[in-house]
Every structure is written in C-alpha cells, then in structure tokens.
Amino acid sequence: MDTQPPEIACDQPESIKQLPNDAQEIAVEFCNQSKKIAADSGLSSDDFNAITENAQKDATFKKRIQNAMIRIRRP
C-alpha cells in the first residue's frame, strides 16, 4: 500500500468525517484518549499541540521527550 493515510485533526471534525466509518471510530477513540492523557498530565489541548508541533520540528526536543518517557517508565 503506497498511499498515505489522510491527515486528521481532532479539533476539526470534517477531517475525521472524510474517513471510512470504521476508521472514524478509531480516530474518535484516539482523539478522546489523547485528550484524556493531556488533561491527566495537566496540559491543555493547546499546550499538548504546541509540544507535538515543536517535537516534529526539533529533533533535539523530540529526543528529550523520548528520554523523559523512558525515565518515567523505568521501575
């Protein structure tokens, strides 16, 4: 399969509506879980999105996030 999945944005319902029905259910569940994780971490949606955007643009920042996640998961 050489096609890329369509871009979706949880705050743009029209981007989810373009998906097949079964994929819409998965996308909605993903968005709901992402929102809960952000809220449980004390982040607003805007904060979470800003962090995500910065991680996509800055490899060093992304690596810092990955290292922090590894540290958190260690017993």
Protein backbone atom coordinates (compact mmCIF):
# COMPACT_ATOMS: atom_id res chain seq x y z
CA MET A 1 0.00 0.00 0.00
CA ASP A 2 1.71 3.16 -1.22
CA THR A 3 -0.90 5.71 -0.21
CA GLN A 4 -0.53 7.86 2.86
CA PRO A 5 -3.39 8.00 5.35
CA PRO A 6 -5.28 11.29 5.27
CA GLU A 7 -4.32 14.00 7.74
CA ILE A 8 -6.72 14.24 10.63
CA ALA A 9 -7.04 16.81 13.38
CA CYS A 10 -9.06 16.07 16.48
CA ASP A 11 -10.31 19.66 16.63
CA GLN A 12 -11.51 19.53 13.01
CA PRO A 13 -14.45 17.10 12.75
CA GLU A 14 -14.53 17.42 8.96
CA SER A 15 -11.09 15.79 8.80
CA ILE A 16 -12.47 12.75 10.61
CA LYS A 17 -15.67 12.64 8.55
CA GLN A 18 -13.60 12.04 5.39
CA LEU A 19 -12.52 8.64 6.74
CA PRO A 20 -14.36 5.34 6.22
CA ASN A 21 -16.82 4.59 9.06
CA ASP A 22 -14.61 2.04 10.83
CA ALA A 23 -11.63 4.41 10.66
CA GLN A 24 -13.80 7.24 12.01
CA GLU A 25 -14.49 5.19 15.14
CA ILE A 26 -10.78 4.55 15.63
CA ALA A 27 -9.92 8.22 15.07
CA VAL A 28 -12.58 9.41 17.53
CA GLU A 29 -11.34 6.95 20.17
CA PHE A 30 -7.75 8.13 19.57
CA CYS A 31 -8.80 11.77 19.96
CA ASN A 32 -10.72 11.03 23.15
CA GLN A 33 -7.79 9.12 24.65
CA SER A 34 -5.31 11.82 23.64
CA LYS A 35 -7.47 14.50 25.24
CA LYS A 36 -7.71 12.48 28.47
CA ILE A 37 -3.96 11.83 28.59
CA ALA A 38 -3.23 15.53 28.09
CA ALA A 39 -5.77 16.55 30.75
CA ASP A 40 -4.47 13.94 33.22
CA SER A 41 -0.99 15.38 32.68
CA GLY A 42 -2.19 18.90 33.43
CA LEU A 43 -1.89 20.06 29.84
CA SER A 44 -4.44 21.95 27.81
CA SER A 45 -5.08 20.83 24.25
CA ASP A 46 -3.17 23.89 23.05
CA ASP A 47 -0.17 23.01 25.25
CA PHE A 48 -0.19 19.42 24.02
CA ASN A 49 -0.44 20.53 20.39
CA ALA A 50 2.41 23.03 20.84
CA ILE A 51 4.65 20.34 22.31
CA THR A 52 3.76 17.97 19.47
CA GLU A 53 4.46 20.62 16.86
CA ASN A 54 7.81 21.52 18.43
CA ALA A 55 8.81 17.86 18.60
CA GLN A 56 8.08 17.48 14.88
CA LYS A 57 10.28 20.47 14.05
CA ASP A 58 13.14 19.96 16.52
CA ALA A 59 14.91 16.59 16.66
CA THR A 60 16.75 17.50 19.88
CA PHE A 61 13.48 18.40 21.61
CA LYS A 62 11.91 15.16 20.35
CA LYS A 63 14.83 13.16 21.77
CA ARG A 64 14.43 14.92 25.14
CA ILE A 65 10.77 13.89 25.22
CA GLN A 66 11.65 10.30 24.32
CA ASN A 67 14.32 10.16 27.04
CA ALA A 68 11.89 11.55 29.62
CA MET A 69 9.32 8.92 28.64
CA ILE A 70 11.92 6.17 29.09
CA ARG A 71 12.83 7.51 32.55
CA ILE A 72 9.17 7.63 33.59
CA ARG A 73 8.57 4.03 32.51
CA ARG A 74 11.51 2.62 34.44
CA PRO A 75 10.65 0.99 37.77
